[in-house]
């Protein structure tokens, strides 16, 4: 059974597995034509490393400049806009504004309803290839704590 993490070829930090379909959908046209179905791709979440996806078997690296969506895990937490939900377009600023105006937010509830209605496309739209709700809820907690 293959290891779940491998070192990133650029920074050397541990990099987890990512689905091929996510890599194919995130890499800009022409770069995505080189993505192989039978190869295990990896994702490097190290903030200051330019590599987002790689496949050691093919000596392939896809850096941030060829990724369709700005990966939030490569951004400084104060970056604006700081994307949180790639399916529905919510960012950290939306949450901060909603809480500042209303004292609370229901953005996470709304996204949850959309996910349950199978209206999301996380596997294709998120650079992480998965659901954003954890990031959204963390941003809500952070924004609420800033108001106290």
N, C-alpha and C. Protein backbone atom coordinates (compact mmCIF):
# COMPACT_ATOMS: atom_id res chain seq x y z
N UNK A 1 0.84 -1.18 0.00
CA UNK A 1 0.00 0.00 0.00
C UNK A 1 0.89 1.24 0.00
N UNK A 2 0.62 2.23 -0.90
CA UNK A 2 1.47 3.41 -0.98
C UNK A 2 1.33 4.28 0.25
N UNK A 3 2.40 5.01 0.56
CA UNK A 3 2.39 5.93 1.70
C UNK A 3 1.38 7.05 1.44
N UNK A 4 0.78 7.56 2.52
CA UNK A 4 -0.20 8.63 2.36
C UNK A 4 0.48 9.99 2.20
N UNK A 5 1.73 10.12 2.62
CA UNK A 5 2.46 11.37 2.43
C UNK A 5 3.81 11.09 1.80
N UNK A 6 4.28 12.04 1.08
CA UNK A 6 5.61 12.01 0.47
C UNK A 6 6.17 13.43 0.61
N UNK A 7 7.46 13.59 0.56
CA UNK A 7 8.00 14.95 0.64
C UNK A 7 7.80 15.71 -0.67
N UNK A 8 7.49 16.98 -0.53
CA UNK A 8 7.38 17.85 -1.71
C UNK A 8 8.77 17.98 -2.32
N UNK A 9 8.89 17.91 -3.65
CA UNK A 9 10.21 17.99 -4.27
C UNK A 9 10.85 19.37 -4.14
N UNK A 10 10.06 20.40 -3.82
CA UNK A 10 10.61 21.75 -3.70
C UNK A 10 10.98 22.08 -2.26
N UNK A 11 10.02 21.93 -1.33
CA UNK A 11 10.26 22.35 0.06
C UNK A 11 10.63 21.20 0.98
N UNK A 12 10.34 19.96 0.59
CA UNK A 12 10.66 18.79 1.40
C UNK A 12 9.65 18.47 2.49
N UNK A 13 8.61 19.31 2.64
CA UNK A 13 7.58 19.03 3.64
C UNK A 13 6.65 17.92 3.16
N UNK A 14 5.96 17.30 4.11
CA UNK A 14 5.04 16.21 3.78
C UNK A 14 3.92 16.71 2.88
N UNK A 15 3.58 15.92 1.89
CA UNK A 15 2.52 16.26 0.93
C UNK A 15 1.57 15.06 0.84
N UNK A 16 0.28 15.33 1.01
CA UNK A 16 -0.71 14.26 0.99
C UNK A 16 -1.20 13.94 -0.41
N UNK A 17 -2.01 12.92 -0.49
CA UNK A 17 -2.57 12.50 -1.77
C UNK A 17 -3.71 13.44 -2.17
N UNK A 18 -3.90 13.59 -3.47
CA UNK A 18 -4.99 14.38 -4.04
C UNK A 18 -5.53 13.60 -5.23
N UNK A 19 -6.82 13.72 -5.46
CA UNK A 19 -7.43 13.00 -6.58
C UNK A 19 -7.00 13.60 -7.91
N UNK A 20 -6.78 12.72 -8.86
CA UNK A 20 -6.36 13.14 -10.20
C UNK A 20 -7.37 14.10 -10.81
N UNK A 21 -8.66 13.86 -10.61
CA UNK A 21 -9.68 14.73 -11.20
C UNK A 21 -9.58 16.14 -10.65
N UNK A 22 -9.19 16.30 -9.39
CA UNK A 22 -9.02 17.64 -8.83
C UNK A 22 -7.85 18.34 -9.50
N UNK A 23 -6.74 17.63 -9.63
CA UNK A 23 -5.56 18.22 -10.28
C UNK A 23 -5.91 18.63 -11.71
N UNK A 24 -6.57 17.75 -12.44
CA UNK A 24 -6.92 18.04 -13.83
C UNK A 24 -7.80 19.29 -13.94
N UNK A 25 -8.73 19.44 -13.01
CA UNK A 25 -9.63 20.59 -13.05
C UNK A 25 -8.99 21.87 -12.56
N UNK A 26 -7.97 21.78 -11.74
CA UNK A 26 -7.32 22.97 -11.18
C UNK A 26 -6.20 23.51 -12.06
N UNK A 27 -5.54 22.64 -12.82
CA UNK A 27 -4.42 23.08 -13.64
C UNK A 27 -4.95 23.71 -14.92
N UNK A 28 -4.36 24.86 -15.26
CA UNK A 28 -4.77 25.60 -16.45
C UNK A 28 -4.68 24.73 -17.71
N UNK A 29 -5.46 25.10 -18.75
CA UNK A 29 -5.42 24.36 -20.01
C UNK A 29 -4.00 24.20 -20.55
N UNK A 30 -3.79 23.14 -21.22
CA UNK A 30 -2.55 22.67 -21.81
C UNK A 30 -1.67 21.99 -20.77
N UNK A 31 -1.55 22.55 -19.57
CA UNK A 31 -0.85 21.84 -18.50
C UNK A 31 -1.64 20.63 -18.07
N UNK A 32 -2.97 20.75 -18.11
CA UNK A 32 -3.80 19.63 -17.65
C UNK A 32 -3.80 18.46 -18.63
N UNK A 33 -3.34 18.67 -19.84
CA UNK A 33 -3.28 17.58 -20.82
C UNK A 33 -2.19 16.56 -20.48
N UNK A 34 -1.25 16.96 -19.63
CA UNK A 34 -0.13 16.09 -19.26
C UNK A 34 -0.43 15.26 -18.01
N UNK A 35 -1.63 15.40 -17.46
CA UNK A 35 -1.99 14.69 -16.24
C UNK A 35 -2.41 13.26 -16.58
N UNK A 36 -1.80 12.30 -15.91
CA UNK A 36 -2.03 10.89 -16.19
C UNK A 36 -3.04 10.31 -15.20
N UNK A 37 -3.95 9.47 -15.70
CA UNK A 37 -4.98 8.85 -14.85
C UNK A 37 -4.43 7.83 -13.86
N UNK A 38 -3.39 7.13 -14.21
CA UNK A 38 -2.91 6.03 -13.37
C UNK A 38 -1.72 6.42 -12.49
N UNK A 39 -1.57 7.71 -12.22
CA UNK A 39 -0.47 8.21 -11.41
C UNK A 39 -1.04 8.84 -10.13
N UNK A 40 -0.34 8.65 -9.00
CA UNK A 40 -0.77 9.27 -7.75
C UNK A 40 -0.21 10.69 -7.66
N UNK A 41 -1.09 11.66 -7.61
CA UNK A 41 -0.69 13.05 -7.45
C UNK A 41 -0.71 13.42 -5.98
N UNK A 42 0.07 14.40 -5.63
CA UNK A 42 0.21 14.86 -4.25
C UNK A 42 -0.03 16.37 -4.20
N UNK A 43 -0.39 16.84 -3.00
CA UNK A 43 -0.66 18.26 -2.79
C UNK A 43 0.25 18.76 -1.67
N UNK A 44 0.94 19.86 -1.94
CA UNK A 44 1.80 20.49 -0.94
C UNK A 44 1.05 21.70 -0.39
N UNK A 45 0.78 21.68 0.90
CA UNK A 45 0.04 22.76 1.55
C UNK A 45 0.94 23.78 2.23
N UNK A 46 2.25 23.64 2.05
CA UNK A 46 3.18 24.59 2.68
C UNK A 46 2.99 25.96 2.06
N UNK A 47 2.69 26.93 2.91
CA UNK A 47 2.30 28.26 2.44
C UNK A 47 3.34 28.93 1.54
N UNK A 48 4.59 28.89 1.88
CA UNK A 48 5.59 29.62 1.10
C UNK A 48 6.25 28.78 0.00
N UNK A 49 5.73 27.61 -0.27
CA UNK A 49 6.25 26.76 -1.35
C UNK A 49 5.43 27.01 -2.62
N UNK A 50 6.06 27.23 -3.76
CA UNK A 50 5.32 27.50 -4.99
C UNK A 50 4.60 26.28 -5.58
N UNK A 51 5.01 25.06 -5.17
CA UNK A 51 4.41 23.84 -5.71
C UNK A 51 3.06 23.59 -5.04
N UNK A 52 2.04 23.35 -5.86
CA UNK A 52 0.72 23.00 -5.34
C UNK A 52 0.50 21.50 -5.49
N UNK A 53 0.70 20.97 -6.71
CA UNK A 53 0.51 19.55 -6.98
C UNK A 53 1.79 19.01 -7.63
N UNK A 54 2.03 17.72 -7.42
CA UNK A 54 3.17 17.09 -8.08
C UNK A 54 2.96 15.59 -8.19
N UNK A 55 3.71 14.99 -9.10
CA UNK A 55 3.76 13.53 -9.26
C UNK A 55 5.21 13.16 -9.47
N UNK A 56 5.80 12.55 -8.46
CA UNK A 56 7.21 12.15 -8.54
C UNK A 56 7.47 11.19 -9.69
N UNK A 57 6.52 10.27 -9.91
CA UNK A 57 6.69 9.26 -10.96
C UNK A 57 6.98 9.89 -12.31
N UNK A 58 6.36 11.02 -12.57
CA UNK A 58 6.49 11.68 -13.87
C UNK A 58 7.39 12.90 -13.82
N UNK A 59 7.96 13.17 -12.66
CA UNK A 59 8.76 14.38 -12.46
C UNK A 59 7.95 15.63 -12.86
N UNK A 60 6.66 15.64 -12.46
CA UNK A 60 5.77 16.77 -12.75
C UNK A 60 5.57 17.62 -11.51
N UNK A 61 5.56 18.93 -11.72
CA UNK A 61 5.21 19.86 -10.67
C UNK A 61 4.31 20.93 -11.26
N UNK A 62 3.25 21.24 -10.53
CA UNK A 62 2.35 22.31 -10.95
C UNK A 62 2.39 23.38 -9.88
N UNK A 63 2.92 24.54 -10.26
CA UNK A 63 3.08 25.62 -9.30
C UNK A 63 1.86 26.54 -9.29
N UNK A 64 1.81 27.40 -8.33
CA UNK A 64 0.64 28.24 -8.07
C UNK A 64 0.23 29.09 -9.28
N UNK A 65 1.18 29.45 -10.13
CA UNK A 65 0.86 30.30 -11.28
C UNK A 65 0.08 29.59 -12.37
N UNK A 66 -0.08 28.26 -12.30
CA UNK A 66 -0.88 27.55 -13.30
C UNK A 66 -2.14 26.93 -12.70
N UNK A 67 -2.49 27.36 -11.50
CA UNK A 67 -3.69 26.85 -10.83
C UNK A 67 -4.84 27.83 -11.05
N UNK A 68 -5.98 27.32 -11.49
CA UNK A 68 -7.14 28.15 -11.84
C UNK A 68 -7.68 28.97 -10.68
N UNK A 69 -7.73 28.37 -9.50
CA UNK A 69 -8.26 29.04 -8.31
C UNK A 69 -7.11 29.31 -7.34
N UNK A 70 -7.15 30.46 -6.70
CA UNK A 70 -6.12 30.82 -5.73
C UNK A 70 -6.24 29.89 -4.52
N UNK A 71 -5.28 28.99 -4.29
CA UNK A 71 -5.37 28.09 -3.14
C UNK A 71 -5.21 28.87 -1.83
N UNK A 72 -6.22 28.83 -0.97
CA UNK A 72 -6.13 29.62 0.26
C UNK A 72 -5.01 29.15 1.17
N UNK A 73 -4.63 27.90 1.08
CA UNK A 73 -3.55 27.39 1.92
C UNK A 73 -2.18 27.91 1.50
N UNK A 74 -2.10 28.60 0.39
CA UNK A 74 -0.85 29.22 -0.06
C UNK A 74 -0.83 30.72 0.25
N UNK A 75 -1.92 31.24 0.80
CA UNK A 75 -2.04 32.67 1.08
C UNK A 75 -1.78 32.99 2.54
N UNK A 76 -1.33 34.19 2.78
CA UNK A 76 -1.25 34.71 4.13
C UNK A 76 -2.68 34.89 4.63
N UNK A 77 -2.94 34.64 5.89
CA UNK A 77 -4.29 34.73 6.44
C UNK A 77 -4.93 36.09 6.31
N UNK A 78 -4.12 37.14 6.08
CA UNK A 78 -4.65 38.50 5.92
C UNK A 78 -4.85 38.89 4.46
N UNK A 79 -4.59 37.99 3.55
CA UNK A 79 -4.75 38.29 2.12
C UNK A 79 -6.21 38.61 1.81
N UNK A 80 -6.42 39.55 0.92
CA UNK A 80 -7.79 39.90 0.51
C UNK A 80 -7.87 39.82 -1.00
N UNK A 81 -8.86 39.19 -1.56
CA UNK A 81 -9.81 38.35 -0.83
C UNK A 81 -9.15 37.03 -0.43
N UNK A 82 -9.63 36.48 0.66
CA UNK A 82 -9.15 35.20 1.15
C UNK A 82 -10.27 34.19 0.90
N UNK A 83 -10.15 33.38 -0.18
CA UNK A 83 -11.23 32.46 -0.54
C UNK A 83 -11.43 31.37 0.50
N UNK A 84 -12.70 31.07 0.76
CA UNK A 84 -13.05 30.00 1.69
C UNK A 84 -13.88 28.93 1.00
N UNK A 85 -14.93 29.35 0.29
CA UNK A 85 -15.84 28.42 -0.37
C UNK A 85 -15.75 28.64 -1.88
N UNK A 86 -15.16 27.70 -2.55
CA UNK A 86 -14.93 27.83 -3.99
C UNK A 86 -16.19 27.55 -4.81
N UNK A 87 -17.11 26.78 -4.27
CA UNK A 87 -18.34 26.45 -4.99
C UNK A 87 -19.28 27.64 -5.07
N UNK A 88 -19.42 28.37 -3.97
CA UNK A 88 -20.41 29.43 -3.90
C UNK A 88 -19.80 30.82 -3.77
N UNK A 89 -18.48 30.91 -3.81
CA UNK A 89 -17.80 32.20 -3.89
C UNK A 89 -17.63 32.97 -2.60
N UNK A 90 -17.81 32.34 -1.45
CA UNK A 90 -17.65 33.07 -0.19
C UNK A 90 -16.17 33.17 0.18
N UNK A 91 -15.83 34.35 0.72
CA UNK A 91 -14.47 34.55 1.21
C UNK A 91 -14.52 35.07 2.64
N UNK A 92 -13.36 35.21 3.24
CA UNK A 92 -13.26 35.62 4.64
C UNK A 92 -13.93 36.98 4.86
N UNK A 93 -13.81 37.87 3.90
CA UNK A 93 -14.39 39.21 4.01
C UNK A 93 -15.91 39.17 4.08
N UNK A 94 -16.55 38.26 3.34
CA UNK A 94 -18.01 38.12 3.41
C UNK A 94 -18.45 37.77 4.83
N UNK A 95 -17.72 36.86 5.44
CA UNK A 95 -18.06 36.43 6.81
C UNK A 95 -17.85 37.59 7.78
N UNK A 96 -16.73 38.28 7.67
CA UNK A 96 -16.45 39.40 8.56
C UNK A 96 -17.51 40.49 8.42
N UNK A 97 -17.91 40.81 7.20
CA UNK A 97 -18.93 41.83 6.96
C UNK A 97 -20.28 41.41 7.54
N UNK A 98 -20.67 40.16 7.33
CA UNK A 98 -21.95 39.67 7.83
C UNK A 98 -22.00 39.72 9.35
N UNK A 99 -20.93 39.30 10.00
CA UNK A 99 -20.89 39.32 11.47
C UNK A 99 -20.84 40.76 11.98
N UNK A 100 -20.09 41.64 11.32
CA UNK A 100 -20.02 43.04 11.74
C UNK A 100 -21.39 43.72 11.63
N UNK A 101 -22.14 43.41 10.58
CA UNK A 101 -23.45 44.04 10.36
C UNK A 101 -24.56 43.41 11.20
N UNK A 102 -24.51 42.09 11.39
CA UNK A 102 -25.62 41.38 12.03
C UNK A 102 -25.30 40.74 13.38
N UNK A 103 -24.04 40.77 13.76
CA UNK A 103 -23.65 40.13 15.01
C UNK A 103 -23.48 38.62 14.89
N UNK A 104 -23.85 38.06 13.77
CA UNK A 104 -23.73 36.63 13.52
C UNK A 104 -23.78 36.40 12.02
N UNK A 105 -23.62 35.15 11.63
CA UNK A 105 -23.74 34.79 10.22
C UNK A 105 -24.36 33.41 10.09
N UNK A 106 -25.06 33.20 9.01
CA UNK A 106 -25.60 31.88 8.72
C UNK A 106 -25.02 31.31 7.42
N UNK A 107 -23.88 31.87 7.00
CA UNK A 107 -23.25 31.42 5.76
C UNK A 107 -22.94 29.93 5.82
N UNK A 108 -22.45 29.45 6.96
CA UNK A 108 -22.13 28.03 7.07
C UNK A 108 -23.38 27.16 6.98
N UNK A 109 -24.49 27.63 7.57
CA UNK A 109 -25.74 26.88 7.47
C UNK A 109 -26.23 26.83 6.02
N UNK A 110 -26.12 27.97 5.34
CA UNK A 110 -26.56 28.04 3.95
C UNK A 110 -25.73 27.09 3.08
N UNK A 111 -24.40 27.10 3.27
CA UNK A 111 -23.53 26.20 2.50
C UNK A 111 -23.87 24.75 2.82
N UNK A 112 -24.11 24.45 4.09
CA UNK A 112 -24.48 23.08 4.49
C UNK A 112 -25.73 22.63 3.76
N UNK A 113 -26.72 23.50 3.67
CA UNK A 113 -27.95 23.17 2.94
C UNK A 113 -27.66 22.90 1.47
N UNK A 114 -26.81 23.68 0.87
CA UNK A 114 -26.46 23.50 -0.54
C UNK A 114 -25.71 22.18 -0.74
N UNK A 115 -24.82 21.85 0.20
CA UNK A 115 -24.08 20.58 0.12
C UNK A 115 -25.05 19.41 0.22
N UNK A 116 -25.98 19.49 1.19
CA UNK A 116 -26.97 18.42 1.37
C UNK A 116 -27.88 18.29 0.15
N UNK A 117 -28.10 19.39 -0.56
CA UNK A 117 -28.91 19.36 -1.77
C UNK A 117 -28.08 18.92 -2.99
N UNK A 118 -26.81 18.56 -2.73
CA UNK A 118 -25.87 18.11 -3.77
C UNK A 118 -25.66 19.16 -4.85
N UNK A 119 -25.58 20.42 -4.43
CA UNK A 119 -25.36 21.53 -5.36
C UNK A 119 -23.90 21.99 -5.37
N UNK A 120 -23.06 21.36 -4.59
CA UNK A 120 -21.66 21.77 -4.56
C UNK A 120 -20.85 20.96 -5.59
N UNK A 121 -19.66 21.43 -5.84
CA UNK A 121 -18.76 20.75 -6.77
C UNK A 121 -17.33 20.82 -6.21
N UNK A 122 -17.21 20.50 -4.93
CA UNK A 122 -15.94 20.63 -4.23
C UNK A 122 -14.79 19.87 -4.90
N UNK A 123 -15.08 18.69 -5.40
CA UNK A 123 -14.01 17.87 -6.02
C UNK A 123 -13.39 18.56 -7.21
N UNK A 124 -14.15 19.44 -7.86
CA UNK A 124 -13.65 20.09 -9.07
C UNK A 124 -13.30 21.55 -8.86
N UNK A 125 -13.94 22.22 -7.92
CA UNK A 125 -13.73 23.67 -7.76
C UNK A 125 -12.75 24.05 -6.66
N UNK A 126 -12.56 23.20 -5.69
CA UNK A 126 -11.66 23.51 -4.58
C UNK A 126 -10.27 22.94 -4.84
N UNK A 127 -9.23 23.76 -4.66
CA UNK A 127 -7.87 23.23 -4.83
C UNK A 127 -7.55 22.07 -3.88
N UNK A 128 -8.29 21.97 -2.78
CA UNK A 128 -8.10 20.85 -1.86
C UNK A 128 -8.85 19.60 -2.31
N UNK A 129 -9.78 19.77 -3.24
CA UNK A 129 -10.54 18.64 -3.75
C UNK A 129 -11.59 18.13 -2.77
N UNK A 130 -11.96 18.95 -1.80
CA UNK A 130 -12.94 18.52 -0.81
C UNK A 130 -13.72 19.70 -0.25
N UNK A 131 -14.57 19.39 0.69
CA UNK A 131 -15.49 20.37 1.28
C UNK A 131 -14.76 21.47 2.04
N UNK A 132 -15.30 22.66 1.97
CA UNK A 132 -14.71 23.84 2.58
C UNK A 132 -15.29 24.18 3.95
N UNK A 133 -16.30 23.47 4.39
CA UNK A 133 -17.02 23.88 5.60
C UNK A 133 -16.12 24.04 6.83
N UNK A 134 -15.12 23.24 6.97
CA UNK A 134 -14.19 23.39 8.09
C UNK A 134 -13.51 24.74 8.06
N UNK A 135 -13.07 25.17 6.88
CA UNK A 135 -12.43 26.48 6.74
C UNK A 135 -13.43 27.60 6.99
N UNK A 136 -14.65 27.44 6.51
CA UNK A 136 -15.69 28.46 6.70
C UNK A 136 -15.99 28.60 8.19
N UNK A 137 -16.16 27.51 8.88
CA UNK A 137 -16.48 27.56 10.32
C UNK A 137 -15.32 28.13 11.12
N UNK A 138 -14.10 27.81 10.75
CA UNK A 138 -12.94 28.38 11.43
C UNK A 138 -12.89 29.90 11.24
N UNK A 139 -13.22 30.36 10.04
CA UNK A 139 -13.23 31.80 9.78
C UNK A 139 -14.35 32.49 10.56
N UNK A 140 -15.49 31.82 10.74
CA UNK A 140 -16.58 32.37 11.53
C UNK A 140 -16.14 32.52 12.99
N UNK A 141 -15.53 31.49 13.53
CA UNK A 141 -15.05 31.53 14.92
C UNK A 141 -14.04 32.67 15.09
N UNK A 142 -13.12 32.77 14.15
CA UNK A 142 -12.09 33.83 14.20
C UNK A 142 -12.74 35.21 14.16
N UNK A 143 -13.69 35.41 13.27
CA UNK A 143 -14.36 36.71 13.15
C UNK A 143 -15.15 37.04 14.41
N UNK A 144 -15.81 36.06 15.00
CA UNK A 144 -16.58 36.28 16.24
C UNK A 144 -15.64 36.64 17.39
N UNK A 145 -14.49 35.98 17.46
CA UNK A 145 -13.52 36.28 18.52
C UNK A 145 -12.94 37.68 18.38
N UNK A 146 -12.79 38.15 17.16
CA UNK A 146 -12.27 39.50 16.92
C UNK A 146 -13.22 40.58 17.39
N UNK A 147 -14.52 40.27 17.43
CA UNK A 147 -15.51 41.25 17.88
C UNK A 147 -15.58 41.36 19.40
N UNK A 148 -15.07 40.36 20.09
CA UNK A 148 -15.16 40.36 21.56
C UNK A 148 -14.12 41.26 22.16
